[in-house]
Protein backbone atom coordinates (compact mmCIF):
# COMPACT_ATOMS: atom_id res chain seq x y z
CA MET A 1 17.64 18.30 38.74
CA ASP A 2 17.59 16.92 35.12
CA ARG A 3 20.31 17.49 32.90
CA ILE A 4 20.69 16.12 29.34
CA ALA A 5 24.15 16.17 26.93
CA ALA A 6 23.81 17.73 23.88
CA ALA A 7 26.30 17.76 20.47
CA ASP A 8 29.24 20.58 20.78
CA ASN A 9 30.02 19.73 24.48
CA LEU A 10 26.75 21.47 25.55
CA THR A 11 24.43 20.22 28.50
CA ILE A 12 20.63 21.20 29.00
CA GLU A 13 19.98 21.89 32.73
CA MET A 14 16.38 21.73 33.59
CA LEU A 15 15.08 22.75 37.03
CA GLU A 16 11.55 23.74 38.47
CA ASP A 17 11.94 27.34 37.68
CA ARG A 18 14.60 27.77 34.97
CA TRP A 19 15.81 26.01 31.97
CA ARG A 20 19.62 26.58 31.19
CA LEU A 21 21.96 26.08 28.14
CA ILE A 22 25.80 25.59 29.16
CA ALA A 23 28.90 25.23 27.54
CA ASN A 24 31.65 22.65 29.23
CA GLY A 25 34.80 24.36 28.98
CA GLY A 26 37.31 22.01 30.78
CA GLU A 27 36.28 22.62 34.48
CA GLU A 28 34.68 25.80 34.37
CA GLN A 29 30.94 25.64 32.75
CA HIS A 30 29.42 28.80 31.05
CA ILE A 31 25.60 29.78 30.99
CA LEU A 32 24.87 30.79 27.18
CA VAL A 33 21.19 30.76 27.68
CA GLU A 34 18.83 30.60 30.54
CA ALA A 35 14.97 30.65 30.66
CA GLN A 36 12.70 31.21 33.58
CA PRO A 37 8.88 31.64 33.70
CA GLY A 38 7.33 35.00 32.92
CA LYS A 39 10.85 36.43 32.21
CA PRO A 40 12.90 36.96 28.69
CA VAL A 41 14.89 34.76 27.55
CA ARG A 42 18.57 35.67 28.42
CA TYR A 43 21.98 35.00 26.46
CA ILE A 44 25.50 36.03 26.32
CA ASN A 45 27.29 37.90 23.58
CA GLY A 46 29.06 35.27 22.35
CA PHE A 47 25.50 33.10 21.65
CA ALA A 48 24.22 36.43 20.08
CA THR A 49 26.92 36.58 17.61
CA SER A 50 26.45 32.74 16.91
CA ARG A 51 22.74 33.02 16.43
CA ARG A 52 22.52 36.86 14.83
CA LEU A 53 20.33 37.90 17.90
CA PRO A 54 19.86 40.95 19.30
CA GLU A 55 23.07 42.37 21.10
CA VAL A 56 20.87 43.44 23.99
CA GLY A 57 20.89 39.72 25.44
CA VAL A 58 17.24 39.14 25.87
CA LEU A 59 14.33 37.78 23.97
CA PRO A 60 11.20 38.32 24.94
CA PRO A 61 8.94 35.62 25.13
CA GLU A 62 6.45 37.41 22.71
CA HIS A 63 9.00 37.30 20.10
CA ILE A 64 9.19 33.38 20.14
CA GLN A 65 6.20 31.70 18.14
CA ARG A 66 7.00 28.13 18.86
CA VAL A 67 9.56 25.53 20.36
CA VAL A 68 10.31 23.09 17.82
CA LEU A 69 12.30 19.51 17.73
CA GLY A 70 12.92 17.84 14.07
CA TRP A 71 14.89 15.16 12.58
CA SER A 72 17.51 16.56 9.78
CA ASN A 73 17.86 13.89 6.95
CA ASN A 74 20.95 16.08 5.62
CA ASP A 75 23.31 15.70 9.02
CA GLU A 76 21.29 12.72 10.51
CA ALA A 77 20.47 14.67 13.51
CA TRP A 78 18.02 15.85 16.13
CA HIS A 79 17.75 19.83 16.22
CA LEU A 80 15.88 22.02 18.96
CA GLY A 81 15.22 25.56 18.55
CA LEU A 82 13.00 28.64 18.46
CA VAL A 83 10.97 29.48 15.67
CA LEU A 84 10.69 33.43 15.95
CA ASN A 85 8.26 36.36 15.12
CA PRO A 86 8.46 37.31 11.36
CA GLU A 87 9.53 41.02 12.59
CA LEU A 88 12.64 39.45 14.50
CA ALA A 89 13.01 36.90 11.52
CA GLN A 90 13.67 39.59 9.01
CA ALA A 91 16.35 41.55 10.94
CA ARG A 92 18.37 38.14 11.28
CA GLY A 93 17.45 36.69 7.71
CA SER A 94 15.68 33.52 9.41
CA ARG A 95 12.92 32.27 11.41
CA TRP A 96 14.70 29.50 12.97
CA CYS A 97 17.21 29.79 15.78
CA GLU A 98 18.91 26.69 16.96
CA MET A 99 19.56 25.73 20.69
CA ALA A 100 21.25 22.42 20.47
CA SER A 101 21.31 19.26 18.50
CA TRP A 102 22.29 15.56 18.66
CA PRO A 103 23.55 13.70 16.02
CA ASP A 104 21.31 10.11 15.82
CA PRO A 105 21.81 8.24 12.55
CA ASP A 106 19.35 5.56 13.99
CA MET A 107 16.89 8.37 14.68
CA ASP A 108 15.55 7.21 17.94
CA ILE A 109 18.56 7.02 20.55
CA TYR A 110 18.39 10.49 21.40
CA ALA A 111 15.02 11.25 20.37
CA ALA A 112 13.38 10.85 23.98
CA ASN A 113 15.89 13.28 25.54
CA ALA A 114 15.85 15.79 22.95
CA GLN A 115 11.93 15.90 23.15
CA ARG A 116 12.25 16.18 26.98
CA ALA A 117 14.22 19.07 26.57
CA GLY A 118 12.06 20.94 24.14
CA GLU A 119 8.95 20.43 26.03
CA ALA A 120 10.68 21.58 29.19
CA LEU A 121 11.83 24.79 27.30
CA ALA A 122 8.43 25.26 26.18
CA GLN A 123 6.67 24.90 29.13
CA THR A 124 9.30 27.24 30.69
CA ILE A 125 8.47 30.33 28.27
CA THR A 126 5.01 29.17 27.90
CA ARG A 127 5.22 28.74 24.42
CA PRO A 128 4.13 25.54 22.11
CA PHE A 129 5.87 22.72 21.48
CA TYR A 130 6.01 21.23 17.85
CA LEU A 131 7.85 18.04 17.18
CA VAL A 132 8.21 17.53 13.33
CA PRO A 133 7.78 13.85 12.20
CA ILE A 134 10.24 12.11 10.65
CA LYS A 135 10.00 11.98 7.15
CA ARG A 136 11.42 8.32 6.26
CA GLU A 137 12.72 7.79 2.70
CA ALA A 138 10.64 4.80 1.52
CA GLN A 139 13.00 1.80 0.80
CA THR A 140 12.63 0.05 -2.37
CA ARG A 141 11.14 -3.32 -2.56
CA PRO A 142 11.35 -4.98 -5.87
CA ILE A 143 8.24 -6.68 -7.18
CA THR A 144 8.97 -10.36 -8.00
CA GLU A 145 9.76 -11.16 -11.09
CA PRO A 146 6.99 -13.27 -13.54
CA PRO A 147 6.28 -15.99 -14.46
CA PHE A 148 3.29 -16.05 -11.96
CA SER A 149 0.44 -18.92 -12.28
CA LEU A 150 -3.01 -17.48 -12.01
CA GLY A 151 -5.44 -19.98 -12.12
CA GLU A 152 -6.00 -21.29 -15.43
CA TRP A 153 -3.25 -18.50 -16.90
CA THR A 154 0.46 -17.85 -16.83
CA PHE A 155 1.69 -14.72 -16.73
CA GLU A 156 5.17 -14.11 -18.53
CA ARG A 157 7.43 -11.32 -19.56
CA ARG A 158 8.55 -11.46 -23.03
CA SER A 159 10.58 -8.13 -23.30
CA GLU A 160 11.42 -5.28 -21.15
CA ASP A 161 7.86 -3.73 -21.70
CA VAL A 162 5.98 -6.70 -23.09
CA PHE A 163 4.04 -9.07 -21.01
CA THR A 164 1.72 -11.85 -22.16
CA PHE A 165 -1.29 -13.85 -20.29
CA THR A 166 -1.32 -17.31 -21.74
CA ARG A 167 -3.93 -20.29 -21.17
CA LYS A 168 -2.46 -23.15 -19.57
CA LYS A 169 -2.09 -26.45 -21.48
CA GLY A 170 -5.47 -28.65 -21.02
CA TRP A 171 -7.59 -25.79 -20.95
CA LYS A 172 -9.38 -26.60 -24.16
CA GLY A 173 -9.67 -30.05 -23.44
CA MET A 174 -10.88 -29.55 -19.94
CA LEU A 175 -13.95 -27.45 -21.55
CA LEU A 176 -14.53 -30.32 -24.35
CA ARG A 177 -14.54 -32.81 -21.38
CA ARG A 178 -17.49 -31.02 -19.85
CA ALA A 179 -19.06 -30.56 -22.97
CA ILE A 180 -19.05 -34.24 -23.72
CA TRP A 181 -19.93 -35.10 -19.93
CA TYR A 182 -22.96 -32.99 -20.07
CA THR A 183 -24.17 -34.23 -23.57
CA LEU A 184 -24.30 -37.57 -21.91
CA TRP A 185 -26.34 -36.81 -19.05
CA VAL A 186 -28.63 -35.05 -21.43
CA VAL A 187 -28.89 -38.14 -23.49
CA VAL A 188 -29.48 -40.13 -20.31
CA TYR A 189 -32.01 -37.68 -19.34
CA ILE A 190 -33.86 -37.66 -22.53
CA ILE A 191 -34.13 -41.54 -22.70
CA LEU A 192 -35.63 -41.62 -19.12
CA ILE A 193 -38.06 -38.95 -20.00
CA VAL A 194 -39.17 -40.48 -23.48
CA THR A 195 -39.55 -44.14 -21.74
CA THR A 196 -41.50 -42.69 -18.83
CA LEU A 197 -43.83 -40.45 -20.57
CA SER A 198 -44.77 -43.36 -23.63
CA GLY A 199 -45.18 -45.93 -20.76
CA LYS A 200 -42.50 -48.49 -21.45
CA ILE A 201 -41.31 -48.16 -18.22
CA ALA A 202 -42.91 -48.10 -14.59
CA PRO A 203 -44.53 -44.44 -13.94
CA ALA A 204 -42.27 -42.30 -12.31
CA ASN A 205 -43.07 -41.71 -8.57
CA PRO A 206 -43.53 -38.53 -7.60
CA ALA A 207 -45.42 -37.92 -10.94
CA PHE A 208 -43.19 -34.61 -11.40
CA LEU A 209 -40.13 -36.15 -11.95
CA PRO A 210 -39.93 -36.33 -15.85
CA TYR A 211 -40.53 -32.51 -15.78
CA LEU A 212 -37.91 -32.22 -13.56
CA GLY A 213 -36.03 -34.04 -15.52
CA ILE A 214 -36.73 -31.79 -18.64
CA VAL A 215 -35.43 -28.94 -16.75
CA SER A 216 -32.24 -30.66 -15.89
CA ALA A 217 -31.80 -31.28 -19.64
CA LEU A 218 -32.20 -27.96 -20.47
CA ILE A 219 -29.65 -26.50 -17.91
CA LEU A 220 -27.25 -29.09 -18.99
CA ALA A 221 -27.91 -28.08 -22.38
CA GLY A 222 -26.79 -24.54 -21.62
CA LEU A 223 -23.87 -25.67 -19.96
CA ILE A 224 -23.05 -27.32 -23.24
CA GLY A 225 -23.48 -24.40 -25.29
CA LYS A 226 -21.63 -22.59 -22.90
CA ASN A 227 -18.63 -24.66 -22.94
CA LEU A 228 -18.54 -24.74 -26.58
CA TYR A 229 -18.83 -21.14 -26.92
CA GLU A 230 -15.91 -20.74 -24.53
CA PHE A 231 -13.84 -23.45 -26.58
CA PHE A 232 -14.37 -21.86 -29.89
CA SER A 233 -14.52 -18.08 -29.13
CA TRP A 234 -12.89 -17.31 -25.42
CA PRO A 235 -9.00 -15.48 -26.30
CA ASP A 236 -6.28 -18.09 -25.31
CA ARG A 237 -3.56 -15.35 -25.06
CA ILE A 238 -3.59 -11.58 -23.44
CA VAL A 239 -0.90 -9.31 -24.64
CA VAL A 240 0.41 -6.44 -22.68
CA ASP A 241 2.33 -3.86 -25.01
CA GLY A 242 4.21 -0.89 -23.03
CA SER A 243 5.46 0.58 -26.09
CA SER A 244 2.15 1.38 -27.33
CA GLN A 245 0.62 1.30 -23.97
CA SER A 246 -1.98 -1.24 -25.50
CA ILE A 247 -3.70 -4.44 -24.60
CA ARG A 248 -5.38 -7.07 -26.79
CA ALA A 249 -6.48 -10.32 -26.67
CA LEU A 250 -5.96 -12.92 -29.07
CA ARG A 251 -7.80 -16.21 -30.18
CA GLY A 252 -4.61 -17.60 -32.50
CA LYS A 253 -3.95 -14.68 -34.27
CA GLN A 254 -7.63 -13.30 -34.23
CA VAL A 255 -7.98 -9.97 -31.98
CA ARG A 256 -10.85 -10.59 -29.61
CA TRP A 257 -10.74 -7.11 -28.26
CA ARG A 258 -8.38 -4.36 -27.68
CA TYR A 259 -7.73 -1.39 -25.37
CA GLN A 260 -5.52 1.42 -25.67
CA HIS A 261 -4.16 3.66 -22.83
CA ALA A 262 -6.83 6.49 -23.50
CA SER A 263 -9.76 4.30 -22.86
CA LEU A 264 -8.19 2.77 -19.45
CA GLN A 265 -8.72 4.66 -16.23
CA SER A 266 -6.72 2.00 -13.92
CA VAL A 267 -6.02 -1.28 -13.24
CA TYR A 268 -8.17 -3.00 -10.57
CA VAL A 269 -7.34 -6.02 -8.37
CA SER A 270 -9.45 -7.48 -6.01
CA GLN A 271 -8.70 -10.32 -3.41
CA VAL A 272 -11.16 -12.06 -0.70
CA LEU A 273 -8.94 -12.66 2.35
CA GLY A 274 -9.37 -14.49 5.50
CA LYS A 275 -7.30 -16.11 8.60
CA ASN A 276 -6.08 -19.50 7.49
CA LYS A 277 -7.97 -22.23 9.13
CA ARG A 278 -4.65 -24.12 10.60
CA ARG A 279 -3.99 -23.34 14.06
CA ASP A 280 -0.42 -22.80 13.48
CA VAL A 281 0.08 -19.24 14.79
CA ASN A 282 2.87 -18.50 12.14
CA SER A 283 0.56 -19.53 9.55
CA LYS A 284 -0.17 -16.85 6.42
CA PRO A 285 -3.34 -15.07 5.65
CA THR A 286 -5.32 -16.86 2.94
CA SER A 287 -6.96 -15.70 -0.44
CA TYR A 288 -10.03 -17.41 -1.48
CA TYR A 289 -10.69 -15.65 -4.52
CA GLY A 290 -8.82 -13.10 -6.59
CA GLU A 291 -9.84 -11.21 -9.55
CA LEU A 292 -8.19 -8.81 -11.94
CA ASN A 293 -9.97 -5.87 -14.21
CA PHE A 294 -9.78 -2.68 -15.99
CA GLN A 295 -11.64 0.45 -15.11
CA LEU A 296 -12.42 1.99 -18.04
CA SER A 297 -12.35 5.50 -18.98
CA ASP A 298 -16.41 5.50 -18.53
CA SER A 299 -15.98 3.65 -15.06
CA THR A 300 -17.41 0.48 -16.07
CA PHE A 301 -15.23 -2.79 -15.66
CA TRP A 302 -13.85 -5.17 -18.02
CA TYR A 303 -12.75 -8.50 -16.89
CA ILE A 304 -9.72 -9.88 -17.33
CA LEU A 305 -9.26 -13.28 -15.16
CA ASN A 306 -10.11 -14.50 -11.87
CA ILE A 307 -8.33 -17.23 -9.38
CA ASP A 308 -10.59 -19.48 -7.25
CA GLU A 309 -7.96 -21.23 -5.63
CA THR A 310 -7.37 -21.16 -1.68
CA GLN A 311 -3.78 -19.22 -1.50
CA GLU A 312 -1.79 -18.08 0.97
CA VAL A 313 -0.30 -14.54 0.70
CA GLU A 314 2.72 -13.03 2.10
CA PRO A 315 2.21 -10.55 4.96
CA VAL A 316 3.83 -7.14 4.31
CA ASN A 317 5.28 -4.41 6.66
CA ALA A 318 3.44 -1.65 5.10
CA THR A 319 0.40 -0.15 6.39
CA LEU A 320 -2.55 -2.15 4.45
CA PRO A 321 -6.39 -1.81 5.50
CA GLU A 322 -7.40 -4.21 8.34
CA ASP A 323 -11.29 -4.07 7.18
CA GLU A 324 -12.55 -3.98 3.57
CA ALA A 325 -11.35 -0.90 1.75
CA VAL A 326 -9.77 0.22 -1.67
CA VAL A 327 -5.69 1.50 -1.59
CA GLU A 328 -3.41 2.17 -4.07
CA LEU A 329 -1.19 -0.51 -5.08
CA SER A 330 2.80 -0.11 -5.00
CA SER A 331 5.65 -2.08 -4.74
CA GLN A 332 5.60 -0.97 -0.98
CA ASN A 333 2.55 -3.08 -0.16
CA TYR A 334 1.61 -5.81 -2.66
CA HIS A 335 1.52 -9.32 -1.23
CA SER A 336 0.76 -11.67 -3.87
CA GLN A 337 1.77 -12.82 -7.38
CA LEU A 338 -2.29 -11.45 -8.74
CA GLN A 339 -1.13 -8.13 -7.34
CA ALA A 340 2.55 -8.16 -8.67
CA THR A 341 1.10 -9.23 -11.85
CA ALA A 342 -1.20 -5.66 -11.69
CA LEU A 343 1.33 -3.88 -10.60
CA TYR A 344 3.29 -4.75 -13.93
CA VAL A 345 0.28 -4.38 -16.18
CA ALA A 346 -0.37 -1.08 -14.54
CA LYS A 347 3.16 0.35 -15.03
CA ALA A 348 3.07 -0.85 -18.70
CA LEU A 349 0.00 0.79 -19.51
CA ASP A 350 0.70 3.60 -17.34
CA VAL A 351 -1.99 4.00 -15.04
CA PRO A 352 -3.01 3.49 -11.71
CA CYS A 353 -2.89 0.36 -9.69
CA TRP A 354 -5.99 0.10 -7.16
CA TYR A 355 -6.63 -2.97 -4.48
CA ASP A 356 -9.78 -3.74 -3.50
CA LYS A 357 -9.41 -5.86 -0.25
CA ARG A 358 -12.44 -8.09 0.70
CA SER A 359 -12.71 -10.45 3.99
CA VAL A 360 -14.51 -13.40 4.99
């Protein structure tokens, strides 16, 4: 015999050939409901009155569609009952007929006992058993407040709904130093090529080296042009304005590009993740590369920034894809400053935010 206590001084008694709901009144016990295989469910008049069941005291199995157990947020309790067929439900005003309940604010203290009682009842009356999944209320997880360091950019909040990406100090100097360094090597290559081909120094061995130098000088010239173009043309500030739902890139006061809400489909953040190479078992996952883009209304992508730095990221207790996948990003599953930035931008512009997870 298996006995399970329930609320309101009730006990469920389960045997191989019967299922009983018993009221414990003092030293006496009263059988409220009894079910046996192949027979109608029997109940007393008091139970019939409280549950608005037919006064005849029997409930044929064909009047029962299934046995259901579910947890209620309203009273923080498990409820076990029967779902009745439409004809009987219309007569009594409800399809639900409760058998027993278990107050359980922790959700899992009495869950196993309640499920065992429900499965035993379903097996006895040969009806399906259904467990209603718990609908847990999502816990609010605040997004980390900026500023954030994102490679050569800094992301900051300027007001309640205005954010800015600002190039870090030294960005222009870095481009200029690169251009000067590449120029120096171009001059060196030109001198070596000219002196070699004019015979003023010993012939090259092998003979194709001067021509390889020409190719190298051309590549360096291209890099010089690229760095000078970035120095004079690339934006040094990006403004995200939630009040106008627009984003614009500025070079000083000159607008380089601008998008309104109608031109944007989503914010798209990508990260390449891998296991930390340290042998510490408590080490966090590592981001090897990150990129922030806009997906435009024509489904093309507009590049905003990237992070080449290797960084540890915070694991979260939300369900995230283990393999490469694209999932919607929210405050419940973000785990890096780049992703937090994407969420702030998406909220200001009122567009969805997607996370493209890549693995190494």
